[in-house]
Amino acid sequence: MEKITRTDAEWRDQLSDEQYRVTRQAGTERPFTGEYDDHFEDGVYHCVCCDPPLFDSGSKFHSGCGWPSYHGELEEAGIKQREDNSLGMRRIELLCPKCDAHLGHIFNDGPPPTGLRYCINSVSLTFRPRA
């Protein structure tokens, strides 16, 4: 996947203030406020910054944590993981493989078949319904 790099000014022009804060500065939206927390339409979720498909609605589940949750990523997504020791916690951060946008974090408390919970900020995603 070809990398996308933009200047800070280009990202600020493209994204809303909240999208910029979350995706480019590793922020977190407030729980239970995101557009996709309770969204269960059939389709695919893409990176808001650069558009590759990341999650299928079939892997989405209601976790009750306040953020959209998925038990797995699309096979071709290739979401990057890196250690995140901010806020006095040890977590695994999830990043878009194409533009390094902060998406959220992954936890080992999800449902079968993977046992994983991809906890993702709504503002880091766009949704396309299945045709």
C-alpha atoms as a PDB file:
ATOM      1  CA  MET A   1       0.000   0.000   0.000  1.00  0.00           C
ATOM      2  CA  GLU A   2       1.457   3.348  -1.038  1.00  0.00           C
ATOM      3  CA  LYS A   3       2.014   5.754   1.852  1.00  0.00           C
ATOM      4  CA  ILE A   4       0.297   9.136   1.937  1.00  0.00           C
ATOM      5  CA  THR A   5       2.112  12.062   3.473  1.00  0.00           C
ATOM      6  CA  ARG A   6       0.692  15.537   3.847  1.00  0.00           C
ATOM      7  CA  THR A   7       1.764  18.643   5.663  1.00  0.00           C
ATOM      8  CA  ASP A   8       0.104  19.608   8.898  1.00  0.00           C
ATOM      9  CA  ALA A   9      -1.645  22.456   7.068  1.00  0.00           C
ATOM     10  CA  GLU A  10      -2.992  20.059   4.412  1.00  0.00           C
ATOM     11  CA  TRP A  11      -4.414  17.734   7.098  1.00  0.00           C
ATOM     12  CA  ARG A  12      -6.004  20.718   8.886  1.00  0.00           C
ATOM     13  CA  ASP A  13      -7.624  21.851   5.619  1.00  0.00           C
ATOM     14  CA  GLN A  14      -9.000  18.377   4.890  1.00  0.00           C
ATOM     15  CA  LEU A  15     -10.277  17.389   8.339  1.00  0.00           C
ATOM     16  CA  SER A  16     -12.651  18.855  10.903  1.00  0.00           C
ATOM     17  CA  ASP A  17     -11.041  20.066  14.133  1.00  0.00           C
ATOM     18  CA  GLU A  18     -12.166  16.890  15.944  1.00  0.00           C
ATOM     19  CA  GLN A  19     -11.029  14.581  13.134  1.00  0.00           C
ATOM     20  CA  TYR A  20      -7.646  16.300  13.152  1.00  0.00           C
ATOM     21  CA  ARG A  21      -7.302  16.092  16.952  1.00  0.00           C
ATOM     22  CA  VAL A  22      -8.104  12.369  16.995  1.00  0.00           C
ATOM     23  CA  THR A  23      -6.402  11.106  13.829  1.00  0.00           C
ATOM     24  CA  ARG A  24      -3.339  13.335  13.638  1.00  0.00           C
ATOM     25  CA  GLN A  25      -2.744  13.986  17.367  1.00  0.00           C
ATOM     26  CA  ALA A  26      -3.798  10.565  18.777  1.00  0.00           C
ATOM     27  CA  GLY A  27      -6.788  11.996  20.596  1.00  0.00           C
ATOM     28  CA  THR A  28      -9.923  10.189  21.726  1.00  0.00           C
ATOM     29  CA  GLU A  29     -13.509  11.234  21.197  1.00  0.00           C
ATOM     30  CA  ARG A  30     -15.789  11.216  24.232  1.00  0.00           C
ATOM     31  CA  PRO A  31     -17.505   7.840  24.774  1.00  0.00           C
ATOM     32  CA  PHE A  32     -21.077   7.394  23.502  1.00  0.00           C
ATOM     33  CA  THR A  33     -20.842  10.523  21.303  1.00  0.00           C
ATOM     34  CA  GLY A  34     -19.535   9.075  18.041  1.00  0.00           C
ATOM     35  CA  GLU A  35     -21.650   8.725  14.930  1.00  0.00           C
ATOM     36  CA  TYR A  36     -20.867   5.004  14.543  1.00  0.00           C
ATOM     37  CA  ASP A  37     -21.132   3.802  18.156  1.00  0.00           C
ATOM     38  CA  ASP A  38     -24.704   2.535  17.634  1.00  0.00           C
ATOM     39  CA  HIS A  39     -24.501   2.216  13.844  1.00  0.00           C
ATOM     40  CA  PHE A  40     -25.209  -1.247  12.424  1.00  0.00           C
ATOM     41  CA  GLU A  41     -25.952  -0.666   8.739  1.00  0.00           C
ATOM     42  CA  ASP A  42     -24.479  -3.157   6.233  1.00  0.00           C
ATOM     43  CA  GLY A  43     -21.313  -1.840   4.608  1.00  0.00           C
ATOM     44  CA  VAL A  44     -17.639  -0.983   5.032  1.00  0.00           C
ATOM     45  CA  TYR A  45     -15.831   1.526   7.255  1.00  0.00           C
ATOM     46  CA  HIS A  46     -12.899   3.433   5.716  1.00  0.00           C
ATOM     47  CA  CYS A  47     -10.150   5.705   7.049  1.00  0.00           C
ATOM     48  CA  VAL A  48     -11.481   9.285   7.116  1.00  0.00           C
ATOM     49  CA  CYS A  49      -8.066  10.653   6.141  1.00  0.00           C
ATOM     50  CA  CYS A  50      -7.117   8.589   3.107  1.00  0.00           C
ATOM     51  CA  ASP A  51     -10.002   6.171   2.404  1.00  0.00           C
ATOM     52  CA  PRO A  52      -8.710   2.561   2.429  1.00  0.00           C
ATOM     53  CA  PRO A  53     -11.299   0.035   3.672  1.00  0.00           C
ATOM     54  CA  LEU A  54     -10.596  -1.064   7.247  1.00  0.00           C
ATOM     55  CA  PHE A  55     -13.618  -2.807   8.813  1.00  0.00           C
ATOM     56  CA  ASP A  56     -16.641  -4.694   7.521  1.00  0.00           C
ATOM     57  CA  SER A  57     -19.947  -4.164   9.300  1.00  0.00           C
ATOM     58  CA  GLY A  58     -20.135  -7.946   9.781  1.00  0.00           C
ATOM     59  CA  SER A  59     -17.359  -7.729  12.386  1.00  0.00           C
ATOM     60  CA  LYS A  60     -19.016  -4.881  14.309  1.00  0.00           C
ATOM     61  CA  PHE A  61     -20.557  -5.652  17.698  1.00  0.00           C
ATOM     62  CA  HIS A  62     -22.103  -3.733  20.573  1.00  0.00           C
ATOM     63  CA  SER A  63     -19.464  -3.730  23.301  1.00  0.00           C
ATOM     64  CA  GLY A  64     -21.059  -1.122  25.562  1.00  0.00           C
ATOM     65  CA  CYS A  65     -17.716   0.725  25.844  1.00  0.00           C
ATOM     66  CA  GLY A  66     -18.939   3.873  24.064  1.00  0.00           C
ATOM     67  CA  TRP A  67     -16.911   3.514  20.868  1.00  0.00           C
ATOM     68  CA  PRO A  68     -17.509   1.451  17.724  1.00  0.00           C
ATOM     69  CA  SER A  69     -16.107  -2.037  18.264  1.00  0.00           C
ATOM     70  CA  TYR A  70     -15.102  -4.723  15.776  1.00  0.00           C
ATOM     71  CA  HIS A  71     -13.840  -8.266  16.372  1.00  0.00           C
ATOM     72  CA  GLY A  72     -11.545  -8.060  13.346  1.00  0.00           C
ATOM     73  CA  GLU A  73     -10.278  -5.932  10.507  1.00  0.00           C
ATOM     74  CA  LEU A  74     -10.673  -6.611   6.816  1.00  0.00           C
ATOM     75  CA  GLU A  75      -8.088  -9.125   5.628  1.00  0.00           C
ATOM     76  CA  GLU A  76      -6.566  -6.601   3.226  1.00  0.00           C
ATOM     77  CA  ALA A  77      -6.640  -3.692   5.725  1.00  0.00           C
ATOM     78  CA  GLY A  78      -3.198  -4.263   7.243  1.00  0.00           C
ATOM     79  CA  ILE A  79      -3.854  -1.986  10.212  1.00  0.00           C
ATOM     80  CA  LYS A  80      -0.595  -1.166  11.987  1.00  0.00           C
ATOM     81  CA  GLN A  81      -0.131  -1.740  15.711  1.00  0.00           C
ATOM     82  CA  ARG A  82       2.285  -0.035  18.062  1.00  0.00           C
ATOM     83  CA  GLU A  83       2.762   0.106  21.803  1.00  0.00           C
ATOM     84  CA  ASP A  84       1.114   3.068  23.523  1.00  0.00           C
ATOM     85  CA  ASN A  85       2.154   3.840  27.096  1.00  0.00           C
ATOM     86  CA  SER A  86       0.353   7.176  27.368  1.00  0.00           C
ATOM     87  CA  LEU A  87      -2.067   8.042  30.170  1.00  0.00           C
ATOM     88  CA  GLY A  88      -0.293   5.645  32.542  1.00  0.00           C
ATOM     89  CA  MET A  89      -1.589   2.576  30.676  1.00  0.00           C
ATOM     90  CA  ARG A  90      -0.007  -0.037  28.431  1.00  0.00           C
ATOM     91  CA  ARG A  91      -2.139  -0.385  25.310  1.00  0.00           C
ATOM     92  CA  ILE A  92      -1.773  -1.238  21.642  1.00  0.00           C
ATOM     93  CA  GLU A  93      -2.563   1.673  19.347  1.00  0.00           C
ATOM     94  CA  LEU A  94      -4.091   1.066  15.905  1.00  0.00           C
ATOM     95  CA  LEU A  95      -2.932   3.135  12.925  1.00  0.00           C
ATOM     96  CA  CYS A  96      -4.059   3.388   9.325  1.00  0.00           C
ATOM     97  CA  PRO A  97      -1.459   1.554   7.191  1.00  0.00           C
ATOM     98  CA  LYS A  98      -1.600   4.196   4.467  1.00  0.00           C
ATOM     99  CA  CYS A  99      -1.459   7.532   6.363  1.00  0.00           C
ATOM    100  CA  ASP A 100      -0.674   6.576   9.996  1.00  0.00           C
ATOM    101  CA  ALA A 101      -3.935   8.093  11.265  1.00  0.00           C
ATOM    102  CA  HIS A 102      -4.700   7.174  14.865  1.00  0.00           C
ATOM    103  CA  LEU A 103      -7.777   4.941  14.783  1.00  0.00           C
ATOM    104  CA  GLY A 104      -8.065   3.677  18.359  1.00  0.00           C
ATOM    105  CA  HIS A 105      -6.768   0.700  20.349  1.00  0.00           C
ATOM    106  CA  ILE A 106      -7.073  -3.092  20.395  1.00  0.00           C
ATOM    107  CA  PHE A 107      -7.941  -5.180  23.455  1.00  0.00           C
ATOM    108  CA  ASN A 108      -8.159  -8.912  24.219  1.00  0.00           C
ATOM    109  CA  ASP A 109     -11.715  -8.805  25.606  1.00  0.00           C
ATOM    110  CA  GLY A 110     -13.756  -9.205  22.429  1.00  0.00           C
ATOM    111  CA  PRO A 111     -16.185 -11.896  21.294  1.00  0.00           C
ATOM    112  CA  PRO A 112     -15.510 -14.980  19.180  1.00  0.00           C
ATOM    113  CA  PRO A 113     -14.200 -15.758  16.706  1.00  0.00           C
ATOM    114  CA  THR A 114     -11.107 -13.635  17.475  1.00  0.00           C
ATOM    115  CA  GLY A 115     -11.504 -12.617  21.128  1.00  0.00           C
ATOM    116  CA  LEU A 116     -10.330  -9.161  20.075  1.00  0.00           C
ATOM    117  CA  ARG A 117     -11.993  -5.760  20.425  1.00  0.00           C
ATOM    118  CA  TYR A 118     -10.866  -3.119  17.969  1.00  0.00           C
ATOM    119  CA  CYS A 119     -12.040  -0.013  19.845  1.00  0.00           C
ATOM    120  CA  ILE A 120     -12.198   2.727  17.196  1.00  0.00           C
ATOM    121  CA  ASN A 121     -13.020   6.430  17.237  1.00  0.00           C
ATOM    122  CA  SER A 122     -16.005   7.225  14.997  1.00  0.00           C
ATOM    123  CA  VAL A 123     -14.361  10.410  13.720  1.00  0.00           C
ATOM    124  CA  SER A 124     -11.496   8.363  12.289  1.00  0.00           C
ATOM    125  CA  LEU A 125     -13.934   6.547   9.978  1.00  0.00           C
ATOM    126  CA  THR A 126     -16.260   7.105   7.066  1.00  0.00           C
ATOM    127  CA  PHE A 127     -18.939   4.557   6.170  1.00  0.00           C
ATOM    128  CA  ARG A 128     -20.048   3.295   2.787  1.00  0.00           C
ATOM    129  CA  PRO A 129     -23.227   1.205   2.635  1.00  0.00           C
ATOM    130  CA  ARG A 130     -23.078  -1.998   0.653  1.00  0.00           C
ATOM    131  CA  ALA A 131     -24.763  -1.599  -2.734  1.00  0.00           C
END
